[in-house]
Amino acid sequence: MSRGILLLALLGVFLTGCDLFQSHATGTLEGRVTIGPICPVVRPGIPCPVPPEAYAAREVWIFQDNKHRATAKLDDSGRYSIALKPGIYLVDINHAGIDRSTDLPKEVRIQSGETTHLDIEIDTGIR
């Protein structure tokens, strides 16, 4: 095989490999979810902490093209982080019970190698 053909073949493999690498590049969606109220009666100076189970019962749902694409779980303090392919997504919550959020649904753009931050406030409806 001539040196020129070998060089072209190696260049083709290299370029194909670069294209494959770029198609798998991701960005990150992260943020913190706050939940409240948790207690039916909140008294000044008496905190009503959010138990870890309240975070475990909720999820951040990610949609693209009207299809559920991914789910981000919350840690014990309400933080979440998920790697996504570049694109435009619609973010919502799983609406446990009568949960609602005026922040959602929200459209976000994920770019390769970048982090998009989205904090979410969930109103439990407890009054």
N, C-alpha and C. Protein backbone atom coordinates (compact mmCIF):
# COMPACT_ATOMS: atom_id res chain seq x y z
N MET A 1 0.85 -1.16 0.00
CA MET A 1 0.00 0.00 0.00
C MET A 1 0.90 1.24 0.00
N SER A 2 0.55 2.18 -0.80
CA SER A 2 1.40 3.36 -0.88
C SER A 2 1.24 4.21 0.37
N ARG A 3 2.25 5.00 0.61
CA ARG A 3 2.27 5.87 1.78
C ARG A 3 1.12 6.87 1.75
N GLY A 4 0.77 7.41 0.59
CA GLY A 4 -0.32 8.38 0.45
C GLY A 4 -1.68 7.78 0.80
N ILE A 5 -1.92 6.55 0.33
CA ILE A 5 -3.20 5.89 0.63
C ILE A 5 -3.29 5.57 2.12
N LEU A 6 -2.18 5.11 2.69
CA LEU A 6 -2.16 4.81 4.12
C LEU A 6 -2.43 6.08 4.93
N LEU A 7 -1.82 7.18 4.53
CA LEU A 7 -2.02 8.45 5.22
C LEU A 7 -3.48 8.88 5.12
N LEU A 8 -4.09 8.75 3.94
CA LEU A 8 -5.51 9.11 3.77
C LEU A 8 -6.41 8.21 4.61
N ALA A 9 -6.09 6.93 4.67
CA ALA A 9 -6.88 5.99 5.47
C ALA A 9 -6.80 6.36 6.95
N LEU A 10 -5.60 6.66 7.44
CA LEU A 10 -5.43 7.05 8.84
C LEU A 10 -6.14 8.37 9.14
N LEU A 11 -6.08 9.31 8.21
CA LEU A 11 -6.77 10.58 8.38
C LEU A 11 -8.28 10.37 8.45
N GLY A 12 -8.80 9.48 7.62
CA GLY A 12 -10.23 9.17 7.64
C GLY A 12 -10.66 8.56 8.96
N VAL A 13 -9.85 7.63 9.49
CA VAL A 13 -10.15 7.03 10.79
C VAL A 13 -10.12 8.09 11.88
N PHE A 14 -9.11 8.96 11.84
CA PHE A 14 -9.00 10.02 12.84
C PHE A 14 -10.19 10.95 12.79
N LEU A 15 -10.58 11.42 11.61
CA LEU A 15 -11.72 12.34 11.48
C LEU A 15 -13.02 11.68 11.90
N THR A 16 -13.21 10.43 11.55
CA THR A 16 -14.41 9.71 11.98
C THR A 16 -14.44 9.60 13.49
N GLY A 17 -13.31 9.29 14.09
CA GLY A 17 -13.22 9.21 15.55
C GLY A 17 -13.54 10.54 16.20
N CYS A 18 -13.07 11.64 15.64
CA CYS A 18 -13.38 12.96 16.19
C CYS A 18 -14.86 13.25 16.10
N ASP A 19 -15.49 12.89 14.99
CA ASP A 19 -16.92 13.12 14.82
C ASP A 19 -17.71 12.30 15.83
N LEU A 20 -17.29 11.05 16.05
CA LEU A 20 -17.97 10.21 17.02
C LEU A 20 -17.83 10.79 18.42
N PHE A 21 -16.65 11.30 18.73
CA PHE A 21 -16.42 11.89 20.05
C PHE A 21 -17.33 13.09 20.25
N GLN A 22 -17.43 13.96 19.25
CA GLN A 22 -18.25 15.15 19.37
C GLN A 22 -19.72 14.81 19.50
N SER A 23 -20.18 13.75 18.87
CA SER A 23 -21.60 13.42 18.95
C SER A 23 -21.98 12.92 20.34
N HIS A 24 -20.97 12.52 21.15
CA HIS A 24 -21.24 12.04 22.49
C HIS A 24 -20.97 13.11 23.54
N ALA A 25 -20.60 14.31 23.14
CA ALA A 25 -20.33 15.38 24.09
C ALA A 25 -21.63 15.75 24.81
N THR A 26 -21.49 16.13 26.08
CA THR A 26 -22.67 16.49 26.86
C THR A 26 -22.47 17.81 27.57
N GLY A 27 -23.57 18.33 28.05
CA GLY A 27 -23.59 19.47 28.94
C GLY A 27 -24.26 19.00 30.22
N THR A 28 -24.36 19.87 31.20
CA THR A 28 -24.94 19.50 32.49
C THR A 28 -26.08 20.43 32.85
N LEU A 29 -27.16 19.84 33.36
CA LEU A 29 -28.26 20.59 33.96
C LEU A 29 -28.19 20.32 35.45
N GLU A 30 -28.12 21.39 36.24
CA GLU A 30 -28.04 21.22 37.68
C GLU A 30 -28.80 22.33 38.38
N GLY A 31 -29.11 22.09 39.65
CA GLY A 31 -29.79 23.11 40.44
C GLY A 31 -30.19 22.57 41.79
N ARG A 32 -31.01 23.34 42.47
CA ARG A 32 -31.50 22.96 43.80
C ARG A 32 -33.01 23.12 43.81
N VAL A 33 -33.68 22.14 44.38
CA VAL A 33 -35.13 22.16 44.54
C VAL A 33 -35.43 22.48 46.00
N THR A 34 -36.28 23.49 46.21
CA THR A 34 -36.75 23.79 47.56
C THR A 34 -38.22 23.36 47.64
N ILE A 35 -38.60 22.84 48.80
CA ILE A 35 -39.95 22.31 48.99
C ILE A 35 -40.56 22.97 50.22
N GLY A 36 -41.79 23.46 50.08
CA GLY A 36 -42.44 24.05 51.25
C GLY A 36 -43.83 24.54 50.92
N PRO A 37 -44.59 24.86 51.87
CA PRO A 37 -44.32 24.57 53.27
C PRO A 37 -44.44 23.08 53.56
N ILE A 38 -43.75 22.66 54.61
CA ILE A 38 -43.78 21.26 55.03
C ILE A 38 -44.71 21.08 56.22
N CYS A 39 -44.76 22.06 57.11
CA CYS A 39 -45.62 22.01 58.29
C CYS A 39 -46.90 22.80 58.03
N PRO A 40 -48.04 22.32 58.54
CA PRO A 40 -49.29 23.05 58.31
C PRO A 40 -49.33 24.40 59.01
N VAL A 41 -48.63 24.53 60.14
CA VAL A 41 -48.59 25.80 60.85
C VAL A 41 -47.12 26.14 61.09
N VAL A 42 -46.68 27.23 60.50
CA VAL A 42 -45.29 27.66 60.67
C VAL A 42 -45.28 28.78 61.70
N ARG A 43 -44.47 28.60 62.74
CA ARG A 43 -44.38 29.60 63.79
C ARG A 43 -43.05 30.34 63.67
N PRO A 44 -43.05 31.64 63.85
CA PRO A 44 -41.80 32.40 63.78
C PRO A 44 -40.78 31.86 64.77
N GLY A 45 -39.56 31.68 64.31
CA GLY A 45 -38.47 31.22 65.15
C GLY A 45 -38.43 29.72 65.37
N ILE A 46 -39.42 28.99 64.87
CA ILE A 46 -39.43 27.53 65.02
C ILE A 46 -39.32 26.93 63.61
N PRO A 47 -38.13 26.44 63.28
CA PRO A 47 -37.95 25.94 61.92
C PRO A 47 -38.73 24.64 61.68
N CYS A 48 -39.05 24.43 60.44
CA CYS A 48 -39.73 23.22 60.00
C CYS A 48 -38.88 22.63 58.87
N PRO A 49 -37.85 21.84 59.24
CA PRO A 49 -36.92 21.35 58.22
C PRO A 49 -37.59 20.36 57.26
N VAL A 50 -37.07 20.34 56.05
CA VAL A 50 -37.56 19.41 55.03
C VAL A 50 -36.85 18.08 55.25
N PRO A 51 -37.62 17.01 55.50
CA PRO A 51 -36.99 15.70 55.70
C PRO A 51 -36.44 15.14 54.39
N PRO A 52 -35.38 14.34 54.44
CA PRO A 52 -34.81 13.76 53.22
C PRO A 52 -35.84 12.98 52.39
N GLU A 53 -36.84 12.39 53.06
CA GLU A 53 -37.86 11.62 52.34
C GLU A 53 -38.67 12.51 51.38
N ALA A 54 -38.83 13.77 51.74
CA ALA A 54 -39.57 14.69 50.87
C ALA A 54 -38.82 14.91 49.57
N TYR A 55 -37.50 14.99 49.65
CA TYR A 55 -36.69 15.12 48.42
C TYR A 55 -36.70 13.82 47.63
N ALA A 56 -36.62 12.68 48.33
CA ALA A 56 -36.58 11.38 47.65
C ALA A 56 -37.87 11.11 46.87
N ALA A 57 -38.99 11.70 47.30
CA ALA A 57 -40.28 11.48 46.63
C ALA A 57 -40.45 12.33 45.38
N ARG A 58 -39.56 13.27 45.16
CA ARG A 58 -39.69 14.16 44.01
C ARG A 58 -38.56 13.94 43.02
N GLU A 59 -38.86 14.25 41.75
CA GLU A 59 -37.89 14.10 40.67
C GLU A 59 -38.01 15.27 39.71
N VAL A 60 -36.92 15.54 39.02
CA VAL A 60 -36.93 16.52 37.94
C VAL A 60 -37.01 15.73 36.64
N TRP A 61 -38.04 16.02 35.86
CA TRP A 61 -38.24 15.31 34.59
C TRP A 61 -37.80 16.19 33.43
N ILE A 62 -37.14 15.57 32.47
CA ILE A 62 -36.62 16.28 31.31
C ILE A 62 -37.27 15.69 30.05
N PHE A 63 -37.86 16.58 29.25
CA PHE A 63 -38.55 16.18 28.03
C PHE A 63 -37.87 16.82 26.82
N GLN A 64 -37.94 16.14 25.69
CA GLN A 64 -37.49 16.69 24.42
C GLN A 64 -38.40 16.12 23.34
N ASP A 65 -38.87 16.99 22.45
CA ASP A 65 -39.78 16.59 21.38
C ASP A 65 -41.02 15.88 21.96
N ASN A 66 -41.56 16.43 23.07
CA ASN A 66 -42.77 15.90 23.72
C ASN A 66 -42.61 14.48 24.26
N LYS A 67 -41.38 14.02 24.46
CA LYS A 67 -41.13 12.69 25.00
C LYS A 67 -40.27 12.81 26.26
N HIS A 68 -40.60 12.00 27.27
CA HIS A 68 -39.80 11.97 28.49
C HIS A 68 -38.43 11.38 28.16
N ARG A 69 -37.38 12.14 28.36
CA ARG A 69 -36.02 11.72 27.98
C ARG A 69 -35.16 11.30 29.16
N ALA A 70 -35.36 11.94 30.31
CA ALA A 70 -34.48 11.65 31.44
C ALA A 70 -35.14 12.06 32.75
N THR A 71 -34.64 11.51 33.84
CA THR A 71 -35.11 11.84 35.18
C THR A 71 -33.90 12.11 36.06
N ALA A 72 -33.95 13.22 36.77
CA ALA A 72 -32.89 13.55 37.72
C ALA A 72 -33.42 13.36 39.13
N LYS A 73 -32.73 12.57 39.91
CA LYS A 73 -33.08 12.34 41.32
C LYS A 73 -32.51 13.47 42.16
N LEU A 74 -33.15 13.76 43.28
CA LEU A 74 -32.69 14.78 44.20
C LEU A 74 -31.89 14.12 45.32
N ASP A 75 -30.84 14.81 45.78
CA ASP A 75 -30.12 14.29 46.94
C ASP A 75 -30.85 14.73 48.22
N ASP A 76 -30.28 14.46 49.37
CA ASP A 76 -30.95 14.75 50.65
C ASP A 76 -31.14 16.23 50.94
N SER A 77 -30.49 17.09 50.17
CA SER A 77 -30.67 18.53 50.36
C SER A 77 -31.38 19.19 49.17
N GLY A 78 -31.85 18.37 48.24
CA GLY A 78 -32.62 18.90 47.11
C GLY A 78 -31.80 19.24 45.88
N ARG A 79 -30.54 18.92 45.87
CA ARG A 79 -29.70 19.20 44.69
C ARG A 79 -29.82 18.08 43.67
N TYR A 80 -29.68 18.49 42.40
CA TYR A 80 -29.70 17.51 41.31
C TYR A 80 -28.68 17.92 40.26
N SER A 81 -28.24 16.95 39.48
CA SER A 81 -27.30 17.19 38.39
C SER A 81 -27.45 16.04 37.41
N ILE A 82 -27.52 16.37 36.12
CA ILE A 82 -27.67 15.34 35.10
C ILE A 82 -26.97 15.78 33.82
N ALA A 83 -26.26 14.85 33.20
CA ALA A 83 -25.59 15.10 31.92
C ALA A 83 -26.59 14.86 30.80
N LEU A 84 -26.63 15.79 29.84
CA LEU A 84 -27.55 15.69 28.71
C LEU A 84 -26.82 16.03 27.42
N LYS A 85 -27.26 15.44 26.33
CA LYS A 85 -26.72 15.81 25.02
C LYS A 85 -27.15 17.25 24.71
N PRO A 86 -26.36 17.98 23.95
CA PRO A 86 -26.74 19.35 23.59
C PRO A 86 -28.11 19.37 22.92
N GLY A 87 -28.90 20.39 23.27
CA GLY A 87 -30.23 20.54 22.67
C GLY A 87 -31.12 21.39 23.55
N ILE A 88 -32.37 21.50 23.16
CA ILE A 88 -33.37 22.26 23.91
C ILE A 88 -34.30 21.25 24.59
N TYR A 89 -34.51 21.45 25.89
CA TYR A 89 -35.31 20.54 26.69
C TYR A 89 -36.38 21.31 27.45
N LEU A 90 -37.43 20.61 27.84
CA LEU A 90 -38.47 21.15 28.70
C LEU A 90 -38.33 20.45 30.05
N VAL A 91 -38.22 21.22 31.11
CA VAL A 91 -38.01 20.68 32.45
C VAL A 91 -39.29 20.82 33.27
N ASP A 92 -39.64 19.76 34.00
CA ASP A 92 -40.82 19.78 34.87
C ASP A 92 -40.52 18.90 36.08
N ILE A 93 -41.48 18.79 36.99
CA ILE A 93 -41.37 17.91 38.15
C ILE A 93 -42.39 16.79 38.01
N ASN A 94 -42.28 15.78 38.87
CA ASN A 94 -43.20 14.65 38.80
C ASN A 94 -44.54 14.91 39.48
N HIS A 95 -44.73 16.09 40.06
CA HIS A 95 -46.00 16.51 40.67
C HIS A 95 -46.52 15.47 41.67
N ALA A 96 -45.72 15.20 42.71
CA ALA A 96 -46.15 14.31 43.78
C ALA A 96 -47.28 14.97 44.56
N GLY A 97 -48.38 14.28 44.72
CA GLY A 97 -49.53 14.86 45.44
C GLY A 97 -50.05 16.09 44.73
N ILE A 98 -50.18 17.19 45.48
CA ILE A 98 -50.69 18.43 44.87
C ILE A 98 -49.57 19.44 44.62
N ASP A 99 -48.33 18.94 44.56
CA ASP A 99 -47.19 19.82 44.27
C ASP A 99 -47.42 20.64 43.02
N ARG A 100 -46.93 21.88 43.07
CA ARG A 100 -46.92 22.71 41.87
C ARG A 100 -45.71 23.64 41.96
N SER A 101 -45.35 24.18 40.81
CA SER A 101 -44.23 25.11 40.77
C SER A 101 -44.53 26.18 39.73
N THR A 102 -44.41 27.43 40.13
CA THR A 102 -44.60 28.52 39.17
C THR A 102 -43.38 28.65 38.27
N ASP A 103 -42.27 27.98 38.63
CA ASP A 103 -41.05 28.02 37.83
C ASP A 103 -41.12 27.11 36.60
N LEU A 104 -42.07 26.16 36.62
CA LEU A 104 -42.09 25.11 35.61
C LEU A 104 -43.45 24.99 34.93
N PRO A 105 -43.51 24.37 33.77
CA PRO A 105 -42.39 23.86 32.98
C PRO A 105 -41.53 25.00 32.44
N LYS A 106 -40.25 24.70 32.23
CA LYS A 106 -39.29 25.70 31.76
C LYS A 106 -38.43 25.10 30.67
N GLU A 107 -38.22 25.88 29.62
CA GLU A 107 -37.36 25.44 28.53
C GLU A 107 -35.92 25.84 28.83
N VAL A 108 -35.00 24.89 28.64
CA VAL A 108 -33.57 25.16 28.86
C VAL A 108 -32.78 24.70 27.64
N ARG A 109 -31.66 25.36 27.41
CA ARG A 109 -30.75 24.98 26.33
C ARG A 109 -29.49 24.41 26.95
N ILE A 110 -29.16 23.19 26.55
CA ILE A 110 -27.95 22.52 27.02
C ILE A 110 -26.90 22.61 25.92
N GLN A 111 -25.72 23.10 26.29
CA GLN A 111 -24.62 23.22 25.33
C GLN A 111 -23.47 22.33 25.79
N SER A 112 -22.78 21.78 24.83
CA SER A 112 -21.67 20.86 25.10
C SER A 112 -20.62 21.51 25.99
N GLY A 113 -20.25 20.81 27.05
CA GLY A 113 -19.20 21.28 27.94
C GLY A 113 -19.61 22.39 28.88
N GLU A 114 -20.88 22.78 28.89
CA GLU A 114 -21.34 23.88 29.75
C GLU A 114 -22.36 23.38 30.76
N THR A 115 -22.51 24.15 31.85
CA THR A 115 -23.49 23.83 32.88
C THR A 115 -24.61 24.85 32.85
N THR A 116 -25.83 24.37 32.80
CA THR A 116 -27.02 25.21 32.86
C THR A 116 -27.61 25.03 34.25
N HIS A 117 -27.86 26.14 34.95
CA HIS A 117 -28.35 26.10 36.32
C HIS A 117 -29.84 26.44 36.35
N LEU A 118 -30.63 25.60 37.01
CA LEU A 118 -32.07 25.85 37.15
C LEU A 118 -32.50 25.45 38.55
N ASP A 119 -32.80 26.45 39.40
CA ASP A 119 -33.35 26.19 40.72
C ASP A 119 -34.88 26.13 40.59
N ILE A 120 -35.50 25.30 41.42
CA ILE A 120 -36.93 25.07 41.33
C ILE A 120 -37.53 25.17 42.73
N GLU A 121 -38.62 25.92 42.85
CA GLU A 121 -39.37 26.01 44.11
C GLU A 121 -40.66 25.21 43.95
N ILE A 122 -40.87 24.26 44.84
CA ILE A 122 -42.08 23.45 44.83
C ILE A 122 -42.98 23.89 45.98
N ASP A 123 -44.22 24.22 45.65
CA ASP A 123 -45.24 24.57 46.64
C ASP A 123 -46.04 23.29 46.91
N THR A 124 -46.00 22.83 48.16
CA THR A 124 -46.69 21.59 48.51
C THR A 124 -48.20 21.76 48.66
N GLY A 125 -48.66 23.00 48.78
CA GLY A 125 -50.09 23.24 48.97
C GLY A 125 -50.53 23.12 50.41
N ILE A 126 -49.62 22.80 51.33
CA ILE A 126 -49.98 22.69 52.74
C ILE A 126 -50.19 24.10 53.29
N ARG A 127 -51.32 24.33 53.91
CA ARG A 127 -51.61 25.64 54.48
C ARG A 127 -52.15 25.49 55.89
